[in-house]
Protein backbone atom coordinates (compact mmCIF):
# COMPACT_ATOMS: atom_id res chain seq x y z
CA UNK A 1 0.82 -6.61 -22.20
CA UNK A 2 -0.68 -3.53 -20.50
CA UNK A 3 1.03 -1.28 -17.95
CA UNK A 4 -1.16 -2.65 -15.25
CA UNK A 5 -0.42 -6.17 -16.32
CA UNK A 6 3.36 -5.41 -16.16
CA UNK A 7 2.68 -4.04 -12.73
CA UNK A 8 1.11 -7.21 -11.65
CA UNK A 9 3.91 -9.20 -12.91
CA UNK A 10 6.52 -7.02 -11.34
CA UNK A 11 4.87 -6.56 -7.99
CA UNK A 12 5.40 -10.20 -7.34
CA UNK A 13 9.14 -9.43 -7.29
CA UNK A 14 8.83 -6.74 -4.69
CA UNK A 15 9.11 -9.20 -1.73
CA UNK A 16 12.18 -11.10 -3.01
CA UNK A 17 14.97 -10.94 -0.50
CA UNK A 18 12.87 -9.92 2.40
CA UNK A 19 10.32 -12.65 2.79
CA UNK A 20 11.16 -13.82 6.33
CA UNK A 21 10.64 -10.51 8.15
CA UNK A 22 7.82 -9.52 5.82
CA UNK A 23 5.76 -12.66 6.38
CA UNK A 24 5.17 -11.92 10.09
CA UNK A 25 4.54 -8.26 9.50
CA UNK A 26 1.87 -8.35 6.94
CA UNK A 27 -1.91 -7.97 7.71
CA UNK A 28 -1.36 -6.97 11.34
CA UNK A 29 -3.00 -3.63 10.84
CA UNK A 30 -4.91 -2.05 7.87
CA UNK A 31 -5.78 1.35 6.63
CA UNK A 32 -8.87 2.40 8.57
CA UNK A 33 -12.20 2.35 6.65
CA UNK A 34 -15.94 1.89 7.18
CA UNK A 35 -18.00 -0.15 4.76
CA UNK A 36 -21.05 1.80 3.72
CA UNK A 37 -22.38 -0.58 1.03
CA UNK A 38 -21.57 -4.13 0.09
CA UNK A 39 -22.64 -6.68 -2.49
CA UNK A 40 -20.74 -9.95 -2.47
CA UNK A 41 -17.13 -9.21 -3.07
CA UNK A 42 -17.82 -5.54 -3.81
CA UNK A 43 -17.73 -2.84 -1.23
CA UNK A 44 -18.02 1.02 -1.12
CA UNK A 45 -15.74 2.21 1.59
CA UNK A 46 -15.20 5.39 3.48
CA UNK A 47 -11.46 5.69 4.29
CA UNK A 48 -10.26 7.92 7.16
CA UNK A 49 -7.03 9.78 6.65
CA UNK A 50 -3.97 7.66 7.07
CA UNK A 51 -0.24 7.94 6.64
CA UNK A 52 1.85 6.32 4.00
CA UNK A 53 5.49 6.21 3.22
CA UNK A 54 5.75 6.55 -0.45
CA UNK A 55 8.37 6.76 -3.17
CA UNK A 56 8.40 7.40 -6.84
CA UNK A 57 10.79 5.63 -9.33
CA UNK A 58 11.50 6.07 -12.99
CA UNK A 59 12.67 3.22 -15.30
CA UNK A 60 11.57 -0.23 -16.39
CA UNK A 61 8.87 -1.41 -14.31
CA UNK A 62 10.51 -4.57 -13.00
CA UNK A 63 13.44 -2.52 -11.73
CA UNK A 64 11.15 0.23 -10.53
CA UNK A 65 9.15 -2.10 -8.40
CA UNK A 66 12.01 -3.76 -6.72
CA UNK A 67 13.96 -0.49 -6.06
CA UNK A 68 10.77 1.18 -4.52
CA UNK A 69 10.21 -1.69 -2.32
CA UNK A 70 13.73 -1.84 -1.14
CA UNK A 71 13.60 1.94 -0.27
CA UNK A 72 10.45 1.61 1.72
CA UNK A 73 11.47 -1.58 3.51
CA UNK A 74 14.72 -0.09 4.52
CA UNK A 75 12.82 2.98 5.99
CA UNK A 76 10.45 0.82 8.15
CA UNK A 77 13.35 -1.37 9.16
CA UNK A 78 15.29 1.40 10.68
CA UNK A 79 16.61 3.76 8.02
CA UNK A 80 14.98 6.68 9.77
CA UNK A 81 15.64 9.36 12.37
CA UNK A 82 13.30 9.48 15.52
CA UNK A 83 11.10 12.55 15.45
CA UNK A 84 10.24 12.26 19.19
CA UNK A 85 12.07 12.64 22.45
CA UNK A 86 13.33 9.60 24.23
CA UNK A 87 12.73 9.16 27.93
CA UNK A 88 15.88 9.33 30.03
CA UNK A 89 16.98 6.18 31.66
CA UNK A 90 20.18 5.15 33.58
CA UNK A 91 22.82 5.01 32.28
CA UNK A 92 22.52 7.93 29.93
CA UNK A 93 23.66 6.99 26.30
CA UNK A 94 23.61 9.23 23.34
CA UNK A 95 23.54 8.05 19.80
CA UNK A 96 21.79 8.49 16.50
CA UNK A 97 18.63 6.51 17.05
CA UNK A 98 16.63 4.43 14.62
CA UNK A 99 13.19 2.97 15.02
CA UNK A 100 11.72 -0.13 13.36
CA UNK A 101 8.19 0.43 12.17
CA UNK A 102 5.62 -2.24 12.00
CA UNK A 103 4.42 -2.95 8.49
CA UNK A 104 0.77 -2.83 7.71
CA UNK A 105 -1.36 -3.84 4.84
CA UNK A 106 -1.77 -3.39 1.97
CA UNK A 107 1.07 -2.49 -0.15
CA UNK A 108 -0.19 -0.11 -2.81
CA UNK A 109 1.11 0.31 -6.36
CA UNK A 110 -0.21 2.84 -8.85
CA UNK A 111 0.90 4.50 -12.09
CA UNK A 112 1.62 8.21 -11.59
CA UNK A 113 2.22 9.88 -14.89
CA UNK A 114 5.42 8.43 -16.34
CA UNK A 115 6.58 7.12 -12.92
CA UNK A 116 5.29 4.51 -10.58
CA UNK A 117 4.20 5.25 -6.93
CA UNK A 118 4.75 2.47 -4.38
CA UNK A 119 3.47 3.07 -0.84
CA UNK A 120 3.44 1.26 2.53
CA UNK A 121 0.49 2.12 4.87
CA UNK A 122 1.99 3.12 8.33
CA UNK A 123 0.49 2.28 11.70
CA UNK A 124 -2.25 4.42 12.93
CA UNK A 125 -0.37 5.09 16.12
CA UNK A 126 1.77 7.67 14.22
CA UNK A 127 0.92 11.22 13.30
CA UNK A 128 2.92 13.52 10.89
CA UNK A 129 4.42 15.01 14.10
CA UNK A 130 5.65 11.72 15.57
CA UNK A 131 6.40 9.49 12.66
CA UNK A 132 10.19 8.82 12.32
CA UNK A 133 11.57 10.87 9.43
CA UNK A 134 13.12 9.04 6.45
CA UNK A 135 16.80 9.32 6.03
CA UNK A 136 16.51 8.62 2.34
CA UNK A 137 15.29 11.85 0.62
CA UNK A 138 13.55 9.78 -2.02
CA UNK A 139 11.18 8.45 0.66
CA UNK A 140 8.40 10.79 2.02
CA UNK A 141 5.68 10.40 4.54
CA UNK A 142 2.35 11.91 3.46
CA UNK A 143 -1.17 11.82 4.84
CA UNK A 144 -3.75 10.43 2.48
CA UNK A 145 -7.03 12.36 2.70
CA UNK A 146 -10.35 10.78 3.50
CA UNK A 147 -11.66 9.15 0.48
CA UNK A 148 -14.60 7.10 -0.80
CA UNK A 149 -13.34 3.97 -2.59
CA UNK A 150 -15.15 1.20 -4.53
CA UNK A 151 -13.37 -2.02 -4.02
CA UNK A 152 -13.48 -5.62 -5.20
CA UNK A 153 -11.86 -8.37 -3.07
CA UNK A 154 -10.59 -11.60 -4.70
CA UNK A 155 -8.29 -14.49 -4.20
CA UNK A 156 -6.14 -16.25 -6.70
CA UNK A 157 -3.18 -15.51 -8.98
CA UNK A 158 -1.77 -12.14 -9.85
CA UNK A 159 -2.14 -12.91 -13.59
CA UNK A 160 -3.23 -10.37 -16.22
CA UNK A 161 -6.33 -12.33 -17.06
CA UNK A 162 -7.38 -12.52 -13.41
CA UNK A 163 -6.76 -8.78 -12.89
CA UNK A 164 -8.59 -7.75 -15.98
CA UNK A 165 -11.57 -9.93 -15.05
CA UNK A 166 -11.74 -8.42 -11.65
CA UNK A 167 -11.34 -4.83 -12.89
CA UNK A 168 -14.08 -5.24 -15.50
CA UNK A 169 -16.42 -6.59 -12.61
CA UNK A 170 -15.56 -3.61 -10.42
CA UNK A 171 -16.21 -1.22 -13.31
CA UNK A 172 -19.63 -2.76 -13.90
CA UNK A 173 -20.39 -2.48 -10.17
CA UNK A 174 -19.38 1.14 -10.15
CA UNK A 175 -21.51 1.79 -13.18
CA UNK A 176 -24.64 -0.05 -11.87
CA UNK A 177 -24.36 1.86 -8.57
CA UNK A 178 -24.32 5.14 -10.40
CA UNK A 179 -20.92 6.01 -9.02
CA UNK A 180 -18.39 8.31 -10.71
CA UNK A 181 -14.74 7.32 -10.72
CA UNK A 182 -12.38 10.04 -9.64
CA UNK A 183 -9.06 8.42 -10.20
CA UNK A 184 -6.95 5.45 -11.40
CA UNK A 185 -7.31 2.00 -9.87
CA UNK A 186 -5.06 0.94 -7.20
CA UNK A 187 -3.83 -2.65 -6.88
CA UNK A 188 -3.58 -3.78 -3.32
CA UNK A 189 -1.82 -6.95 -2.18
CA UNK A 190 -2.07 -8.21 1.40
CA UNK A 191 0.08 -11.42 1.23
CA UNK A 192 3.66 -12.48 0.25
CA UNK A 193 4.22 -14.62 -2.77
CA UNK A 194 4.57 -17.89 -0.79
CA UNK A 195 0.97 -17.67 0.34
CA UNK A 196 -1.06 -20.41 -1.53
CA UNK A 197 -2.83 -18.68 -4.46
CA UNK A 198 -6.30 -19.80 -3.18
CA UNK A 199 -5.70 -18.08 0.19
CA UNK A 200 -4.39 -14.84 -1.08
CA UNK A 201 -6.23 -11.61 -0.51
CA UNK A 202 -6.17 -9.20 -3.32
CA UNK A 203 -8.07 -6.00 -3.98
CA UNK A 204 -8.52 -3.45 -6.66
CA UNK A 205 -9.78 -0.05 -5.37
CA UNK A 206 -11.04 2.93 -7.40
CA UNK A 207 -11.77 6.33 -5.81
CA UNK A 208 -15.28 7.51 -6.46
CA UNK A 209 -17.03 10.80 -6.02
CA UNK A 210 -18.95 11.47 -2.82
CA UNK A 211 -22.68 12.28 -3.03
CA UNK A 212 -23.22 16.02 -2.93
């Protein structure tokens, strides 16, 4: 089984223990992009910069995926310190404030050297200056740069055979278009595990070089 295949198996475990709150939060807001070319399930997209909360974890991938998800989910659920002032009201109360952050889609997972990177896209209403700061030092908020990405969208299971089939199709699309890959593929999931397999939205995205 390949590393990506192990990732696909393990990523299904990321949502265990938090299905109820996660179900209502998914797919409300997505990372902003503009489609510049499309052909059936394939697209070439221009992504504007966006913020992510990300964490890197070492270890066996099944454990890594669950631990990374827990860290990030705790962060958006209130394990953070507000970075902005709070308007004064009456009565005046003072305490360490936490802020819940709406979850957006997709959840990203990608191999990063010998570690795995797991990232949540944050709502566009935040900037680096206003986003609540994580209390867990293992979680960081970073801005992803503007990027061009080739993408394939598909439904169905998260099996190795399904992933390999779609990745091969995306690679052919990239080659046929004369595009040059500039990084590793990103597996993106938009739905929790209890979503019927035929209704799931899955994507594979590969960064590609912009035209000179």
